[in-house]
Amino acid sequence: MTRVVVEVINVAYQLSQGKEIGDNYEYGWMKAFDTSELNELVAEVTNACSVGYVSGDWNELDVVIHEWHESAIAINSPELEKAFSDSKDEVLLTPPTTESVIA
């Protein structure tokens, strides 16, 4: 676990300083985030470490890193970008009614 934490924090620091990280690097996906988001990632990783040290349960750390990785994939996905920005197929929702539909 220590190696993972050190690497994540190191990559976040390097990126926040404007350094380049290769795509083939294990944590290259962190390039998707700006400095503010990287700071948030580090805070969440640090908090998960605190929980792990106290409880011995490191699952929280794995979950935090996994969720940030998934967010980076979503940010870098051209398909998701198109889906979020395409308003042609947008369907407006109607306000809910107060009438019961159960007869």
N, C-alpha and C. Protein backbone atom coordinates (compact mmCIF):
# COMPACT_ATOMS: atom_id res chain seq x y z
N MET A 1 0.81 -1.20 0.00
CA MET A 1 0.00 0.00 0.00
C MET A 1 0.85 1.26 0.00
N THR A 2 1.94 1.23 0.73
CA THR A 2 2.78 2.42 0.83
C THR A 2 3.29 2.85 -0.54
N ARG A 3 3.69 1.89 -1.37
CA ARG A 3 4.18 2.19 -2.72
C ARG A 3 3.10 2.90 -3.53
N VAL A 4 1.88 2.41 -3.47
CA VAL A 4 0.78 2.99 -4.22
C VAL A 4 0.53 4.43 -3.78
N VAL A 5 0.48 4.65 -2.48
CA VAL A 5 0.22 5.99 -1.94
C VAL A 5 1.32 6.95 -2.36
N VAL A 6 2.57 6.52 -2.21
CA VAL A 6 3.69 7.39 -2.58
C VAL A 6 3.64 7.70 -4.07
N GLU A 7 3.36 6.72 -4.90
CA GLU A 7 3.31 6.95 -6.35
C GLU A 7 2.17 7.89 -6.73
N VAL A 8 1.00 7.69 -6.17
CA VAL A 8 -0.14 8.56 -6.48
C VAL A 8 0.16 10.00 -6.07
N ILE A 9 0.66 10.18 -4.87
CA ILE A 9 0.97 11.53 -4.39
C ILE A 9 2.10 12.14 -5.21
N ASN A 10 3.10 11.35 -5.57
CA ASN A 10 4.21 11.85 -6.38
C ASN A 10 3.72 12.30 -7.76
N VAL A 11 2.91 11.48 -8.41
CA VAL A 11 2.39 11.85 -9.74
C VAL A 11 1.54 13.10 -9.64
N ALA A 12 0.69 13.18 -8.63
CA ALA A 12 -0.14 14.37 -8.44
C ALA A 12 0.73 15.61 -8.28
N TYR A 13 1.79 15.49 -7.50
CA TYR A 13 2.69 16.62 -7.30
C TYR A 13 3.38 17.00 -8.60
N GLN A 14 3.91 16.01 -9.30
CA GLN A 14 4.60 16.29 -10.57
C GLN A 14 3.67 16.99 -11.56
N LEU A 15 2.46 16.49 -11.68
CA LEU A 15 1.50 17.10 -12.60
C LEU A 15 1.13 18.51 -12.17
N SER A 16 0.95 18.71 -10.87
CA SER A 16 0.59 20.05 -10.38
C SER A 16 1.72 21.06 -10.61
N GLN A 17 2.95 20.56 -10.79
CA GLN A 17 4.09 21.42 -11.07
C GLN A 17 4.32 21.59 -12.58
N GLY A 18 3.43 21.03 -13.38
CA GLY A 18 3.52 21.18 -14.84
C GLY A 18 4.44 20.18 -15.51
N LYS A 19 4.87 19.16 -14.79
CA LYS A 19 5.74 18.15 -15.39
C LYS A 19 4.91 17.19 -16.23
N GLU A 20 5.54 16.60 -17.22
CA GLU A 20 4.88 15.64 -18.10
C GLU A 20 4.97 14.23 -17.53
N ILE A 21 3.90 13.50 -17.64
CA ILE A 21 3.84 12.10 -17.24
C ILE A 21 3.39 11.32 -18.48
N GLY A 22 4.12 10.28 -18.83
CA GLY A 22 3.79 9.50 -20.01
C GLY A 22 2.49 8.72 -19.86
N ASP A 23 1.82 8.50 -20.99
CA ASP A 23 0.57 7.74 -20.99
C ASP A 23 0.78 6.30 -20.54
N ASN A 24 1.98 5.78 -20.78
CA ASN A 24 2.26 4.39 -20.42
C ASN A 24 2.58 4.24 -18.93
N TYR A 25 2.72 5.34 -18.22
CA TYR A 25 2.99 5.31 -16.79
C TYR A 25 1.76 4.79 -16.07
N GLU A 26 1.94 4.03 -15.03
CA GLU A 26 0.81 3.40 -14.32
C GLU A 26 -0.27 4.39 -13.90
N TYR A 27 0.15 5.58 -13.50
CA TYR A 27 -0.82 6.58 -13.07
C TYR A 27 -0.91 7.75 -14.04
N GLY A 28 -0.59 7.49 -15.30
CA GLY A 28 -0.69 8.51 -16.34
C GLY A 28 -2.10 9.04 -16.52
N TRP A 29 -3.09 8.26 -16.13
CA TRP A 29 -4.49 8.69 -16.23
C TRP A 29 -4.77 9.94 -15.40
N MET A 30 -3.90 10.24 -14.43
CA MET A 30 -4.13 11.40 -13.57
C MET A 30 -3.96 12.72 -14.34
N LYS A 31 -3.41 12.65 -15.56
CA LYS A 31 -3.26 13.85 -16.39
C LYS A 31 -4.61 14.47 -16.73
N ALA A 32 -5.67 13.73 -16.56
CA ALA A 32 -7.01 14.23 -16.89
C ALA A 32 -7.45 15.35 -15.95
N PHE A 33 -6.78 15.51 -14.81
CA PHE A 33 -7.23 16.43 -13.78
C PHE A 33 -6.39 17.69 -13.72
N ASP A 34 -7.06 18.78 -13.34
CA ASP A 34 -6.33 20.03 -13.12
C ASP A 34 -5.76 20.03 -11.70
N THR A 35 -5.01 21.08 -11.38
CA THR A 35 -4.34 21.14 -10.08
C THR A 35 -5.31 21.06 -8.91
N SER A 36 -6.42 21.73 -9.01
CA SER A 36 -7.42 21.70 -7.93
C SER A 36 -7.94 20.28 -7.71
N GLU A 37 -8.23 19.59 -8.80
CA GLU A 37 -8.72 18.22 -8.70
C GLU A 37 -7.64 17.29 -8.16
N LEU A 38 -6.39 17.51 -8.57
CA LEU A 38 -5.29 16.70 -8.05
C LEU A 38 -5.15 16.89 -6.54
N ASN A 39 -5.33 18.12 -6.08
CA ASN A 39 -5.28 18.38 -4.64
C ASN A 39 -6.40 17.64 -3.92
N GLU A 40 -7.58 17.61 -4.53
CA GLU A 40 -8.71 16.89 -3.95
C GLU A 40 -8.42 15.38 -3.91
N LEU A 41 -7.83 14.86 -4.98
CA LEU A 41 -7.46 13.45 -5.04
C LEU A 41 -6.49 13.12 -3.90
N VAL A 42 -5.46 13.94 -3.73
CA VAL A 42 -4.47 13.71 -2.68
C VAL A 42 -5.14 13.75 -1.31
N ALA A 43 -6.05 14.69 -1.10
CA ALA A 43 -6.76 14.78 0.19
C ALA A 43 -7.56 13.51 0.45
N GLU A 44 -8.24 13.00 -0.58
CA GLU A 44 -9.03 11.78 -0.41
C GLU A 44 -8.14 10.56 -0.16
N VAL A 45 -7.01 10.49 -0.86
CA VAL A 45 -6.08 9.38 -0.65
C VAL A 45 -5.51 9.44 0.77
N THR A 46 -5.15 10.64 1.21
CA THR A 46 -4.61 10.81 2.56
C THR A 46 -5.63 10.41 3.61
N ASN A 47 -6.86 10.82 3.41
CA ASN A 47 -7.93 10.46 4.35
C ASN A 47 -8.13 8.93 4.37
N ALA A 48 -8.14 8.31 3.19
CA ALA A 48 -8.31 6.86 3.12
C ALA A 48 -7.15 6.15 3.81
N CYS A 49 -5.95 6.72 3.73
CA CYS A 49 -4.79 6.14 4.43
C CYS A 49 -4.98 6.22 5.94
N SER A 50 -5.48 7.35 6.40
CA SER A 50 -5.74 7.51 7.83
C SER A 50 -6.71 6.45 8.32
N VAL A 51 -7.76 6.24 7.55
CA VAL A 51 -8.75 5.21 7.89
C VAL A 51 -8.09 3.84 7.90
N GLY A 52 -7.26 3.57 6.89
CA GLY A 52 -6.59 2.28 6.80
C GLY A 52 -5.63 2.02 7.95
N TYR A 53 -4.87 3.04 8.33
CA TYR A 53 -3.93 2.87 9.44
C TYR A 53 -4.65 2.57 10.74
N VAL A 54 -5.78 3.25 10.96
CA VAL A 54 -6.52 3.07 12.21
C VAL A 54 -7.26 1.74 12.23
N SER A 55 -7.94 1.43 11.11
CA SER A 55 -8.81 0.26 11.11
C SER A 55 -8.16 -1.00 10.57
N GLY A 56 -7.09 -0.84 9.80
CA GLY A 56 -6.48 -2.00 9.14
C GLY A 56 -7.20 -2.40 7.87
N ASP A 57 -8.26 -1.69 7.54
CA ASP A 57 -9.04 -1.96 6.33
C ASP A 57 -8.62 -0.98 5.24
N TRP A 58 -7.93 -1.49 4.25
CA TRP A 58 -7.41 -0.66 3.16
C TRP A 58 -8.34 -0.59 1.98
N ASN A 59 -9.51 -1.15 2.09
CA ASN A 59 -10.46 -1.15 0.99
C ASN A 59 -10.82 0.28 0.56
N GLU A 60 -10.94 1.18 1.51
CA GLU A 60 -11.30 2.57 1.21
C GLU A 60 -10.28 3.20 0.26
N LEU A 61 -9.01 2.92 0.46
CA LEU A 61 -7.96 3.45 -0.41
C LEU A 61 -8.14 2.91 -1.83
N ASP A 62 -8.38 1.62 -1.95
CA ASP A 62 -8.60 1.03 -3.27
C ASP A 62 -9.81 1.66 -3.95
N VAL A 63 -10.87 1.88 -3.20
CA VAL A 63 -12.09 2.48 -3.75
C VAL A 63 -11.82 3.90 -4.24
N VAL A 64 -11.12 4.69 -3.44
CA VAL A 64 -10.83 6.08 -3.81
C VAL A 64 -10.03 6.12 -5.11
N ILE A 65 -8.97 5.34 -5.18
CA ILE A 65 -8.15 5.35 -6.40
C ILE A 65 -8.94 4.84 -7.60
N HIS A 66 -9.73 3.80 -7.39
CA HIS A 66 -10.55 3.26 -8.48
C HIS A 66 -11.54 4.31 -9.00
N GLU A 67 -12.21 5.01 -8.11
CA GLU A 67 -13.19 6.02 -8.52
C GLU A 67 -12.54 7.17 -9.28
N TRP A 68 -11.37 7.61 -8.83
CA TRP A 68 -10.66 8.68 -9.55
C TRP A 68 -10.21 8.18 -10.92
N HIS A 69 -9.77 6.94 -11.00
CA HIS A 69 -9.37 6.37 -12.28
C HIS A 69 -10.57 6.32 -13.24
N GLU A 70 -11.70 5.87 -12.74
CA GLU A 70 -12.91 5.83 -13.56
C GLU A 70 -13.31 7.23 -14.04
N SER A 71 -13.16 8.22 -13.17
CA SER A 71 -13.46 9.61 -13.56
C SER A 71 -12.54 10.07 -14.68
N ALA A 72 -11.26 9.71 -14.60
CA ALA A 72 -10.31 10.08 -15.64
C ALA A 72 -10.68 9.44 -16.97
N ILE A 73 -11.11 8.19 -16.92
CA ILE A 73 -11.54 7.50 -18.15
C ILE A 73 -12.73 8.24 -18.75
N ALA A 74 -13.68 8.62 -17.93
CA ALA A 74 -14.86 9.33 -18.40
C ALA A 74 -14.49 10.68 -19.01
N ILE A 75 -13.59 11.40 -18.36
CA ILE A 75 -13.16 12.70 -18.86
C ILE A 75 -12.50 12.57 -20.22
N ASN A 76 -11.74 11.51 -20.42
CA ASN A 76 -10.99 11.32 -21.67
C ASN A 76 -11.77 10.56 -22.74
N SER A 77 -13.01 10.22 -22.48
CA SER A 77 -13.80 9.45 -23.43
C SER A 77 -14.49 10.36 -24.44
N PRO A 78 -14.12 10.26 -25.72
CA PRO A 78 -14.80 11.08 -26.74
C PRO A 78 -16.29 10.75 -26.85
N GLU A 79 -16.64 9.49 -26.62
CA GLU A 79 -18.04 9.10 -26.70
C GLU A 79 -18.86 9.79 -25.61
N LEU A 80 -18.33 9.79 -24.39
CA LEU A 80 -19.04 10.45 -23.30
C LEU A 80 -19.10 11.96 -23.50
N GLU A 81 -18.00 12.54 -24.00
CA GLU A 81 -17.99 13.98 -24.29
C GLU A 81 -19.08 14.32 -25.28
N LYS A 82 -19.19 13.52 -26.33
CA LYS A 82 -20.23 13.75 -27.35
C LYS A 82 -21.62 13.60 -26.73
N ALA A 83 -21.80 12.58 -25.92
CA ALA A 83 -23.12 12.34 -25.31
C ALA A 83 -23.52 13.49 -24.39
N PHE A 84 -22.57 14.01 -23.63
CA PHE A 84 -22.89 15.10 -22.71
C PHE A 84 -23.12 16.42 -23.42
N SER A 85 -22.48 16.61 -24.56
CA SER A 85 -22.60 17.89 -25.25
C SER A 85 -23.64 17.89 -26.34
N ASP A 86 -24.16 16.74 -26.73
CA ASP A 86 -25.14 16.63 -27.81
C ASP A 86 -26.54 16.87 -27.26
N SER A 87 -27.16 17.95 -27.72
CA SER A 87 -28.51 18.27 -27.23
C SER A 87 -29.58 17.91 -28.27
N LYS A 88 -29.19 17.35 -29.43
CA LYS A 88 -30.16 17.00 -30.46
C LYS A 88 -31.18 15.99 -29.98
N ASP A 89 -30.74 15.00 -29.25
CA ASP A 89 -31.64 13.94 -28.79
C ASP A 89 -32.16 14.19 -27.38
N GLU A 90 -31.98 15.41 -26.92
CA GLU A 90 -32.38 15.73 -25.55
C GLU A 90 -33.90 15.68 -25.43
N VAL A 91 -34.37 15.04 -24.39
CA VAL A 91 -35.80 14.94 -24.13
C VAL A 91 -36.07 15.68 -22.83
N LEU A 92 -36.91 16.70 -22.93
CA LEU A 92 -37.23 17.47 -21.74
C LEU A 92 -38.17 16.68 -20.85
N LEU A 93 -37.94 16.76 -19.59
CA LEU A 93 -38.80 16.08 -18.63
C LEU A 93 -40.00 16.95 -18.31
N THR A 94 -41.12 16.30 -18.11
CA THR A 94 -42.31 17.05 -17.72
C THR A 94 -42.43 17.03 -16.21
N PRO A 95 -43.04 18.05 -15.65
CA PRO A 95 -43.20 18.05 -14.20
C PRO A 95 -44.05 16.87 -13.75
N PRO A 96 -43.77 16.32 -12.59
CA PRO A 96 -44.58 15.18 -12.11
C PRO A 96 -45.98 15.66 -11.78
N THR A 97 -46.91 14.76 -11.95
CA THR A 97 -48.29 15.09 -11.61
C THR A 97 -48.58 14.63 -10.19
N THR A 98 -49.59 15.19 -9.62
CA THR A 98 -49.98 14.80 -8.27
C THR A 98 -51.07 13.74 -8.30
N GLU A 99 -51.56 13.42 -9.49
CA GLU A 99 -52.60 12.40 -9.62
C GLU A 99 -52.00 11.01 -9.53
N SER A 100 -52.72 10.10 -8.94
CA SER A 100 -52.26 8.73 -8.84
C SER A 100 -52.53 8.02 -10.14
N VAL A 101 -51.58 7.23 -10.62
CA VAL A 101 -51.76 6.48 -11.86
C VAL A 101 -52.25 5.07 -11.55
N ILE A 102 -52.35 4.72 -10.30
CA ILE A 102 -52.83 3.40 -9.91
C ILE A 102 -54.34 3.49 -9.72
N ALA A 103 -55.04 2.64 -10.43
CA ALA A 103 -56.50 2.67 -10.35
C ALA A 103 -57.02 1.69 -9.34
